[in-house]
Amino acid sequence: MYKKKKVWATIGSKIVTNLSYYNDVEFSEDEVFELIANDEYLLDDSEEIYGKKLISFLIVWNLIRLKIIESKENYREGQLHKWAFKPEDYMEIYILLDETKEYIDAFDNLKDGTAKTIKMIEFFEESLIEEATIEALLEDLLITMIYFAIEKPLGQHTNLFIYLISNAMLLYRNLGPIFLNTKSEMMDLSKMILVLISQCKGLRMEHFNRADMFQKVFKKLLDISESTKLMLDAM
């Protein structure tokens, strides 16, 4: 399934449409699907027609697609390190999301592994234990998302960055990604998450799951993932 272009175009169009709710990208899901499925976003005049922001989202999505396919192949071949994303890939995703590179210093010291952003992502990647249940993975992803949202190492682009990487990890594990069908649903979820983040400020990271809103948000994400998984399985 993970090599089928239609699957990636379907997921990508839904995720990019969800992103557009926050970024004033005025294109329908069907239009985005066609751009991905037919590689139209790679044409020379694509930025002029559709805008740099949308095209950057689609380039990010293609990078994620290629890295997940590579990760799947690593797993199939029994390689020790299966997750194919490198620190430089995370930095490239950030640069595509923020052409000003205002927070590029968050990726300083990539080569020796001491960059603040990479240290946080290492915790993120530890969630990718092959035997972990969807519940365990989602809880770890939610905790990491809260941490990123509080720390904001990438400023206003932090939430987009973490949303994309979270979905990449879910897809790698053959789990349903997080996206909703309408803007109102997405906004309602965002409001719940903002309340949760506010409740977690001042708490130690290991205590985030004690916040009043944590289980409600966790259950909502679990329901969404299970629903999108059914959709993907039917394709």
Foldseek 3Di string as FASTA:
>chain_A
DLPDQLLLLLVLLQLLVLVCLVVVQPDHSVVSSCCRSVVVLVDPCNCVVRNLLSSLSSVLSVLLSVQLVQLLVCVVVPHPDRRRDALVNLLSNLCSNPVVCPLVQLCPPSVVQPRVVSVLVVQLVVLLDLPDDPLSNLLSLLLSLLVCVVVVSSPPCSNVSSLVVSQSSCVSSLWAHDGDDDSVVSVVLVVLSVVLSVQCVVPDSVCSCVGPSNVVSSVVRVVRRNVRSVVSVVD
